[in-house]
Amino acid sequence: MIPRRASRKLKIGNVTVGGNASIAVQSMTKTDTRDVNATVNQVKELQECGCEIVRIAVPDKQAAESIPVIKKNTSLPIIADIHFDYRLALASLQAGVDGIRLNPGNIHDRKQIAKVVSTAKEREIPIRIGVNAGSLPPNFEPELPLAQRM
């Protein structure tokens, strides 16, 4: 077995991750989050498959406003996947999300990030920084393989 790196234990909703906790299965919905029924159904399908944490896209205010209804109709912790607009992270926190995933490639203003961090800290909500190829400028160290650039 590959040894795991040391990490702090934390809670995402009712699921403990990190430290010596068991590895939790996480997935992301493919639905339009504003379509609450489709999203709730997909969360339930993921749960039936063994998923323990679900990430949902929050591309706009209406999606953030859907979070309380989604949470009311599901039992898994919900993580809001945020791109471009820090205010969507704030709205998701206000709506009761269990975690936030931020992409540093498209939210860079330190004051905006500080506001999200402060609000999440007040609510004891974890933030995951998720980097992917879309986070990188097209000419960022092109001579290196993609995994090393990230």
N, C-alpha and C. Protein backbone atom coordinates (compact mmCIF):
# COMPACT_ATOMS: atom_id res chain seq x y z
N MET A 1 0.84 -1.18 0.00
CA MET A 1 0.00 0.00 0.00
C MET A 1 0.89 1.25 0.00
N ILE A 2 0.48 2.25 -0.72
CA ILE A 2 1.23 3.51 -0.79
C ILE A 2 1.00 4.28 0.50
N PRO A 3 2.08 4.74 1.15
CA PRO A 3 1.88 5.52 2.39
C PRO A 3 1.22 6.86 2.08
N ARG A 4 0.29 7.27 2.94
CA ARG A 4 -0.38 8.55 2.78
C ARG A 4 0.44 9.64 3.44
N ARG A 5 0.41 10.84 2.86
CA ARG A 5 1.12 11.95 3.48
C ARG A 5 0.33 12.40 4.70
N ALA A 6 1.04 12.93 5.67
CA ALA A 6 0.39 13.40 6.90
C ALA A 6 -0.49 14.61 6.58
N SER A 7 -1.67 14.63 7.14
CA SER A 7 -2.58 15.76 6.95
C SER A 7 -3.44 15.94 8.19
N ARG A 8 -4.04 17.11 8.29
CA ARG A 8 -4.94 17.38 9.42
C ARG A 8 -6.30 16.77 9.15
N LYS A 9 -6.92 16.34 10.22
CA LYS A 9 -8.28 15.81 10.14
C LYS A 9 -9.26 16.98 10.14
N LEU A 10 -10.28 16.92 9.30
CA LEU A 10 -11.32 17.94 9.31
C LEU A 10 -12.63 17.31 8.89
N LYS A 11 -13.71 18.05 9.13
CA LYS A 11 -15.06 17.56 8.81
C LYS A 11 -15.61 18.32 7.61
N ILE A 12 -16.20 17.57 6.71
CA ILE A 12 -16.99 18.14 5.62
C ILE A 12 -18.39 17.60 5.87
N GLY A 13 -19.25 18.45 6.41
CA GLY A 13 -20.55 17.96 6.85
C GLY A 13 -20.33 16.94 7.95
N ASN A 14 -20.85 15.74 7.76
CA ASN A 14 -20.69 14.68 8.76
C ASN A 14 -19.59 13.69 8.40
N VAL A 15 -18.78 14.00 7.39
CA VAL A 15 -17.72 13.10 6.93
C VAL A 15 -16.37 13.65 7.38
N THR A 16 -15.58 12.79 8.03
CA THR A 16 -14.23 13.17 8.44
C THR A 16 -13.26 12.79 7.33
N VAL A 17 -12.39 13.73 6.97
CA VAL A 17 -11.35 13.47 5.97
C VAL A 17 -10.01 13.89 6.56
N GLY A 18 -8.94 13.37 5.99
CA GLY A 18 -7.61 13.72 6.46
C GLY A 18 -7.21 12.93 7.69
N GLY A 19 -5.99 13.21 8.15
CA GLY A 19 -5.48 12.48 9.30
C GLY A 19 -5.46 11.00 9.00
N ASN A 20 -5.95 10.22 9.93
CA ASN A 20 -6.00 8.77 9.72
C ASN A 20 -7.41 8.29 9.35
N ALA A 21 -8.27 9.22 8.95
CA ALA A 21 -9.63 8.85 8.54
C ALA A 21 -9.58 8.01 7.26
N SER A 22 -10.56 7.17 7.09
CA SER A 22 -10.67 6.40 5.85
C SER A 22 -10.81 7.36 4.67
N ILE A 23 -10.37 6.92 3.52
CA ILE A 23 -10.50 7.74 2.32
C ILE A 23 -11.98 7.82 1.95
N ALA A 24 -12.47 9.04 1.76
CA ALA A 24 -13.88 9.26 1.42
C ALA A 24 -14.03 9.39 -0.09
N VAL A 25 -15.07 8.78 -0.63
CA VAL A 25 -15.35 8.86 -2.06
C VAL A 25 -16.12 10.15 -2.32
N GLN A 26 -15.59 10.95 -3.27
CA GLN A 26 -16.23 12.20 -3.66
C GLN A 26 -16.48 12.17 -5.16
N SER A 27 -17.60 12.74 -5.57
CA SER A 27 -17.88 12.88 -6.99
C SER A 27 -18.52 14.24 -7.23
N MET A 28 -18.75 14.54 -8.49
CA MET A 28 -19.38 15.81 -8.85
C MET A 28 -20.57 15.53 -9.74
N THR A 29 -21.63 16.27 -9.52
CA THR A 29 -22.81 16.11 -10.37
C THR A 29 -22.52 16.64 -11.77
N LYS A 30 -23.25 16.13 -12.75
CA LYS A 30 -23.18 16.61 -14.13
C LYS A 30 -24.40 17.44 -14.47
N THR A 31 -25.27 17.63 -13.51
CA THR A 31 -26.53 18.34 -13.76
C THR A 31 -26.32 19.85 -13.71
N ASP A 32 -27.30 20.57 -14.22
CA ASP A 32 -27.37 22.01 -14.01
C ASP A 32 -27.90 22.18 -12.59
N THR A 33 -27.11 22.74 -11.72
CA THR A 33 -27.48 22.85 -10.30
C THR A 33 -28.80 23.59 -10.12
N ARG A 34 -29.14 24.47 -11.04
CA ARG A 34 -30.41 25.20 -10.94
C ARG A 34 -31.60 24.27 -11.13
N ASP A 35 -31.36 23.11 -11.73
CA ASP A 35 -32.40 22.09 -11.87
C ASP A 35 -32.34 21.23 -10.61
N VAL A 36 -33.03 21.68 -9.58
CA VAL A 36 -32.93 21.07 -8.26
C VAL A 36 -33.31 19.60 -8.29
N ASN A 37 -34.41 19.25 -8.96
CA ASN A 37 -34.85 17.85 -8.99
C ASN A 37 -33.80 16.94 -9.61
N ALA A 38 -33.24 17.36 -10.74
CA ALA A 38 -32.21 16.55 -11.40
C ALA A 38 -30.97 16.43 -10.52
N THR A 39 -30.60 17.52 -9.86
CA THR A 39 -29.41 17.50 -9.01
C THR A 39 -29.63 16.60 -7.80
N VAL A 40 -30.78 16.73 -7.16
CA VAL A 40 -31.09 15.88 -6.00
C VAL A 40 -31.08 14.41 -6.42
N ASN A 41 -31.70 14.10 -7.55
CA ASN A 41 -31.73 12.71 -8.02
C ASN A 41 -30.32 12.19 -8.28
N GLN A 42 -29.47 13.03 -8.87
CA GLN A 42 -28.11 12.57 -9.15
C GLN A 42 -27.31 12.40 -7.86
N VAL A 43 -27.49 13.27 -6.89
CA VAL A 43 -26.82 13.11 -5.59
C VAL A 43 -27.23 11.77 -4.98
N LYS A 44 -28.51 11.46 -5.04
CA LYS A 44 -29.00 10.19 -4.48
C LYS A 44 -28.43 8.99 -5.24
N GLU A 45 -28.31 9.10 -6.56
CA GLU A 45 -27.70 8.03 -7.35
C GLU A 45 -26.24 7.84 -6.95
N LEU A 46 -25.53 8.94 -6.78
CA LEU A 46 -24.13 8.85 -6.36
C LEU A 46 -24.01 8.20 -4.99
N GLN A 47 -24.92 8.55 -4.09
CA GLN A 47 -24.91 7.96 -2.76
C GLN A 47 -25.12 6.45 -2.84
N GLU A 48 -26.03 6.02 -3.69
CA GLU A 48 -26.28 4.58 -3.87
C GLU A 48 -25.04 3.86 -4.38
N CYS A 49 -24.18 4.58 -5.10
CA CYS A 49 -22.95 3.99 -5.63
C CYS A 49 -21.80 4.04 -4.63
N GLY A 50 -22.05 4.60 -3.45
CA GLY A 50 -21.01 4.65 -2.42
C GLY A 50 -20.35 6.00 -2.22
N CYS A 51 -20.82 7.00 -2.93
CA CYS A 51 -20.26 8.34 -2.78
C CYS A 51 -20.61 8.89 -1.40
N GLU A 52 -19.65 9.60 -0.79
CA GLU A 52 -19.85 10.15 0.55
C GLU A 52 -19.88 11.67 0.59
N ILE A 53 -19.34 12.32 -0.44
CA ILE A 53 -19.30 13.78 -0.54
C ILE A 53 -19.58 14.13 -1.99
N VAL A 54 -20.41 15.16 -2.23
CA VAL A 54 -20.75 15.53 -3.60
C VAL A 54 -20.44 17.00 -3.83
N ARG A 55 -19.81 17.25 -4.99
CA ARG A 55 -19.50 18.62 -5.39
C ARG A 55 -20.50 19.01 -6.47
N ILE A 56 -21.00 20.24 -6.37
CA ILE A 56 -21.93 20.77 -7.37
C ILE A 56 -21.37 22.06 -7.95
N ALA A 57 -21.62 22.30 -9.21
CA ALA A 57 -21.20 23.55 -9.85
C ALA A 57 -22.10 24.69 -9.38
N VAL A 58 -21.48 25.82 -9.10
CA VAL A 58 -22.24 27.03 -8.74
C VAL A 58 -21.80 28.14 -9.69
N PRO A 59 -22.38 28.14 -10.91
CA PRO A 59 -21.96 29.11 -11.91
C PRO A 59 -22.64 30.47 -11.80
N ASP A 60 -23.71 30.55 -11.00
CA ASP A 60 -24.42 31.82 -10.89
C ASP A 60 -25.21 31.87 -9.58
N LYS A 61 -25.83 33.02 -9.35
CA LYS A 61 -26.57 33.24 -8.09
C LYS A 61 -27.73 32.25 -7.94
N GLN A 62 -28.42 31.96 -9.03
CA GLN A 62 -29.55 31.03 -8.95
C GLN A 62 -29.09 29.65 -8.49
N ALA A 63 -27.93 29.22 -8.95
CA ALA A 63 -27.40 27.92 -8.51
C ALA A 63 -27.10 27.97 -7.01
N ALA A 64 -26.52 29.07 -6.54
CA ALA A 64 -26.24 29.21 -5.10
C ALA A 64 -27.54 29.18 -4.30
N GLU A 65 -28.57 29.81 -4.83
CA GLU A 65 -29.86 29.84 -4.14
C GLU A 65 -30.54 28.46 -4.11
N SER A 66 -30.09 27.55 -4.96
CA SER A 66 -30.64 26.18 -4.99
C SER A 66 -30.06 25.30 -3.88
N ILE A 67 -28.96 25.71 -3.30
CA ILE A 67 -28.26 24.87 -2.32
C ILE A 67 -29.14 24.46 -1.14
N PRO A 68 -29.88 25.37 -0.49
CA PRO A 68 -30.68 24.93 0.65
C PRO A 68 -31.71 23.85 0.30
N VAL A 69 -32.31 23.94 -0.87
CA VAL A 69 -33.31 22.95 -1.28
C VAL A 69 -32.62 21.61 -1.56
N ILE A 70 -31.46 21.66 -2.20
CA ILE A 70 -30.71 20.44 -2.48
C ILE A 70 -30.32 19.77 -1.16
N LYS A 71 -29.80 20.55 -0.23
CA LYS A 71 -29.39 20.00 1.07
C LYS A 71 -30.57 19.44 1.85
N LYS A 72 -31.71 20.09 1.75
CA LYS A 72 -32.90 19.62 2.48
C LYS A 72 -33.34 18.25 1.97
N ASN A 73 -33.08 17.97 0.70
CA ASN A 73 -33.56 16.73 0.08
C ASN A 73 -32.49 15.66 -0.10
N THR A 74 -31.31 15.88 0.44
CA THR A 74 -30.23 14.90 0.38
C THR A 74 -29.54 14.85 1.74
N SER A 75 -28.78 13.79 1.96
CA SER A 75 -28.09 13.67 3.25
C SER A 75 -26.57 13.76 3.14
N LEU A 76 -26.04 13.82 1.93
CA LEU A 76 -24.59 13.90 1.77
C LEU A 76 -24.10 15.33 1.90
N PRO A 77 -22.86 15.51 2.37
CA PRO A 77 -22.27 16.85 2.39
C PRO A 77 -22.14 17.38 0.96
N ILE A 78 -22.43 18.65 0.79
CA ILE A 78 -22.39 19.30 -0.52
C ILE A 78 -21.26 20.32 -0.54
N ILE A 79 -20.41 20.22 -1.56
CA ILE A 79 -19.32 21.17 -1.77
C ILE A 79 -19.67 22.02 -2.99
N ALA A 80 -19.54 23.34 -2.85
CA ALA A 80 -19.81 24.26 -3.95
C ALA A 80 -18.53 24.47 -4.76
N ASP A 81 -18.59 24.19 -6.05
CA ASP A 81 -17.46 24.37 -6.95
C ASP A 81 -17.56 25.77 -7.56
N ILE A 82 -16.61 26.63 -7.20
CA ILE A 82 -16.69 28.05 -7.55
C ILE A 82 -15.62 28.43 -8.56
N HIS A 83 -16.04 29.16 -9.59
CA HIS A 83 -15.12 29.71 -10.59
C HIS A 83 -15.47 31.18 -10.81
N PHE A 84 -14.46 31.98 -10.99
CA PHE A 84 -14.56 33.36 -11.47
C PHE A 84 -15.13 34.39 -10.50
N ASP A 85 -16.15 34.09 -9.74
CA ASP A 85 -16.82 35.12 -8.94
C ASP A 85 -16.85 34.73 -7.46
N TYR A 86 -16.04 35.42 -6.67
CA TYR A 86 -15.95 35.12 -5.24
C TYR A 86 -17.30 35.28 -4.54
N ARG A 87 -18.16 36.14 -5.09
CA ARG A 87 -19.47 36.36 -4.46
C ARG A 87 -20.33 35.09 -4.47
N LEU A 88 -20.07 34.22 -5.42
CA LEU A 88 -20.80 32.94 -5.45
C LEU A 88 -20.36 32.05 -4.30
N ALA A 89 -19.10 32.15 -3.91
CA ALA A 89 -18.63 31.41 -2.72
C ALA A 89 -19.32 31.95 -1.48
N LEU A 90 -19.41 33.28 -1.38
CA LEU A 90 -20.08 33.88 -0.22
C LEU A 90 -21.56 33.49 -0.19
N ALA A 91 -22.21 33.51 -1.35
CA ALA A 91 -23.63 33.13 -1.41
C ALA A 91 -23.80 31.65 -1.05
N SER A 92 -22.88 30.81 -1.48
CA SER A 92 -22.94 29.38 -1.17
C SER A 92 -22.75 29.14 0.32
N LEU A 93 -21.83 29.87 0.93
CA LEU A 93 -21.63 29.76 2.37
C LEU A 93 -22.90 30.19 3.11
N GLN A 94 -23.49 31.29 2.67
CA GLN A 94 -24.73 31.78 3.27
C GLN A 94 -25.85 30.75 3.11
N ALA A 95 -25.82 30.00 2.00
CA ALA A 95 -26.87 29.03 1.71
C ALA A 95 -26.69 27.71 2.47
N GLY A 96 -25.56 27.56 3.17
CA GLY A 96 -25.38 26.38 4.01
C GLY A 96 -24.56 25.26 3.43
N VAL A 97 -23.74 25.56 2.43
CA VAL A 97 -22.89 24.53 1.83
C VAL A 97 -21.92 23.97 2.88
N ASP A 98 -21.48 22.73 2.68
CA ASP A 98 -20.59 22.06 3.64
C ASP A 98 -19.12 22.27 3.33
N GLY A 99 -18.81 22.72 2.13
CA GLY A 99 -17.42 22.96 1.73
C GLY A 99 -17.40 23.80 0.47
N ILE A 100 -16.24 24.40 0.22
CA ILE A 100 -16.04 25.24 -0.96
C ILE A 100 -14.82 24.72 -1.70
N ARG A 101 -14.90 24.69 -3.01
CA ARG A 101 -13.74 24.41 -3.86
C ARG A 101 -13.52 25.66 -4.70
N LEU A 102 -12.33 26.26 -4.56
CA LEU A 102 -11.97 27.46 -5.32
C LEU A 102 -10.90 27.12 -6.34
N ASN A 103 -10.97 27.75 -7.49
CA ASN A 103 -9.95 27.61 -8.51
C ASN A 103 -9.10 28.88 -8.50
N PRO A 104 -7.84 28.79 -8.06
CA PRO A 104 -7.01 29.99 -7.97
C PRO A 104 -6.64 30.57 -9.33
N GLY A 105 -6.87 29.80 -10.38
CA GLY A 105 -6.56 30.30 -11.71
C GLY A 105 -7.54 31.33 -12.20
N ASN A 106 -8.72 31.42 -11.57
CA ASN A 106 -9.69 32.40 -12.06
C ASN A 106 -10.31 33.23 -10.95
N ILE A 107 -9.81 33.10 -9.74
CA ILE A 107 -10.15 34.04 -8.66
C ILE A 107 -8.82 34.41 -8.02
N HIS A 108 -8.32 35.62 -8.30
CA HIS A 108 -6.98 35.96 -7.81
C HIS A 108 -6.91 37.16 -6.88
N ASP A 109 -7.92 37.96 -6.80
CA ASP A 109 -7.85 39.16 -5.97
C ASP A 109 -7.75 38.78 -4.49
N ARG A 110 -6.67 39.21 -3.85
CA ARG A 110 -6.41 38.82 -2.46
C ARG A 110 -7.52 39.27 -1.50
N LYS A 111 -8.07 40.44 -1.73
CA LYS A 111 -9.14 40.92 -0.84
C LYS A 111 -10.40 40.06 -0.98
N GLN A 112 -10.70 39.67 -2.20
CA GLN A 112 -11.86 38.80 -2.42
C GLN A 112 -11.66 37.43 -1.78
N ILE A 113 -10.46 36.88 -1.97
CA ILE A 113 -10.15 35.57 -1.38
C ILE A 113 -10.19 35.67 0.14
N ALA A 114 -9.64 36.76 0.68
CA ALA A 114 -9.64 36.95 2.15
C ALA A 114 -11.06 36.99 2.69
N LYS A 115 -11.97 37.61 1.96
CA LYS A 115 -13.36 37.68 2.40
C LYS A 115 -13.99 36.28 2.43
N VAL A 116 -13.71 35.48 1.41
CA VAL A 116 -14.23 34.10 1.38
C VAL A 116 -13.63 33.30 2.53
N VAL A 117 -12.33 33.41 2.72
CA VAL A 117 -11.66 32.66 3.80
C VAL A 117 -12.21 33.06 5.15
N SER A 118 -12.38 34.35 5.37
CA SER A 118 -12.90 34.84 6.65
C SER A 118 -14.32 34.31 6.91
N THR A 119 -15.16 34.37 5.90
CA THR A 119 -16.54 33.90 6.05
C THR A 119 -16.58 32.39 6.29
N ALA A 120 -15.76 31.65 5.56
CA ALA A 120 -15.72 30.19 5.74
C ALA A 120 -15.20 29.85 7.14
N LYS A 121 -14.21 30.59 7.59
CA LYS A 121 -13.64 30.33 8.92
C LYS A 121 -14.69 30.57 10.01
N GLU A 122 -15.44 31.66 9.87
CA GLU A 122 -16.50 31.96 10.85
C GLU A 122 -17.50 30.81 10.94
N ARG A 123 -17.77 30.17 9.81
CA ARG A 123 -18.78 29.10 9.75
C ARG A 123 -18.16 27.71 9.90
N GLU A 124 -16.84 27.68 10.06
CA GLU A 124 -16.09 26.41 10.17
C GLU A 124 -16.32 25.51 8.97
N ILE A 125 -16.26 26.12 7.79
CA ILE A 125 -16.45 25.41 6.53
C ILE A 125 -15.09 25.31 5.82
N PRO A 126 -14.68 24.09 5.45
CA PRO A 126 -13.38 23.94 4.78
C PRO A 126 -13.40 24.44 3.35
N ILE A 127 -12.22 24.88 2.90
CA ILE A 127 -12.02 25.32 1.52
C ILE A 127 -10.95 24.42 0.90
N ARG A 128 -11.24 23.93 -0.28
CA ARG A 128 -10.24 23.17 -1.04
C ARG A 128 -9.80 24.02 -2.21
N ILE A 129 -8.51 24.10 -2.42
CA ILE A 129 -7.98 24.79 -3.59
C ILE A 129 -7.79 23.74 -4.67
N GLY A 130 -8.50 23.89 -5.76
CA GLY A 130 -8.45 22.91 -6.84
C GLY A 130 -7.86 23.52 -8.09
N VAL A 131 -6.70 23.04 -8.47
CA VAL A 131 -6.02 23.55 -9.66
C VAL A 131 -6.18 22.52 -10.77
N ASN A 132 -6.42 23.01 -11.97
CA ASN A 132 -6.44 22.13 -13.14
C ASN A 132 -5.81 22.87 -14.31
N ALA A 133 -5.72 22.22 -15.45
CA ALA A 133 -5.06 22.83 -16.61
C ALA A 133 -5.69 24.15 -17.00
N GLY A 134 -6.99 24.29 -16.79
CA GLY A 134 -7.67 25.55 -17.10
C GLY A 134 -7.25 26.69 -16.20
N SER A 135 -6.55 26.38 -15.11
CA SER A 135 -6.09 27.40 -14.18
C SER A 135 -4.82 28.09 -14.67
N LEU A 136 -4.14 27.48 -15.62
CA LEU A 136 -2.84 27.97 -16.05
C LEU A 136 -2.95 28.85 -17.29
N PRO A 137 -2.15 29.92 -17.34
CA PRO A 137 -2.10 30.69 -18.58
C PRO A 137 -1.53 29.80 -19.69
N PRO A 138 -1.93 30.00 -20.93
CA PRO A 138 -1.52 29.12 -22.02
C PRO A 138 0.00 29.01 -22.18
N ASN A 139 0.73 30.05 -21.87
CA ASN A 139 2.18 30.04 -22.08
C ASN A 139 2.97 29.83 -20.79
N PHE A 140 2.36 29.30 -19.76
CA PHE A 140 3.03 29.12 -18.47
C PHE A 140 3.97 27.92 -18.54
N GLU A 141 5.27 28.19 -18.63
CA GLU A 141 6.31 27.16 -18.68
C GLU A 141 5.93 26.01 -19.61
N PRO A 142 5.69 26.30 -20.90
CA PRO A 142 5.21 25.27 -21.82
C PRO A 142 6.19 24.11 -22.02
N GLU A 143 7.46 24.32 -21.66
CA GLU A 143 8.44 23.24 -21.86
C GLU A 143 8.29 22.12 -20.84
N LEU A 144 7.58 22.38 -19.74
CA LEU A 144 7.38 21.36 -18.71
C LEU A 144 6.12 20.55 -18.99
N PRO A 145 6.12 19.28 -18.58
CA PRO A 145 4.87 18.50 -18.68
C PRO A 145 3.77 19.14 -17.84
N LEU A 146 2.53 18.94 -18.25
CA LEU A 146 1.39 19.58 -17.60
C LEU A 146 1.36 19.34 -16.10
N ALA A 147 1.58 18.12 -15.66
CA ALA A 147 1.53 17.82 -14.22
C ALA A 147 2.53 18.65 -13.45
N GLN A 148 3.71 18.87 -14.00
CA GLN A 148 4.72 19.68 -13.30
C GLN A 148 4.36 21.16 -13.32
N ARG A 149 3.69 21.63 -14.37
CA ARG A 149 3.29 23.04 -14.42
C ARG A 149 2.25 23.36 -13.37
N MET A 150 1.42 22.37 -13.03
CA MET A 150 0.39 22.61 -12.02
C MET A 150 1.01 22.50 -10.65
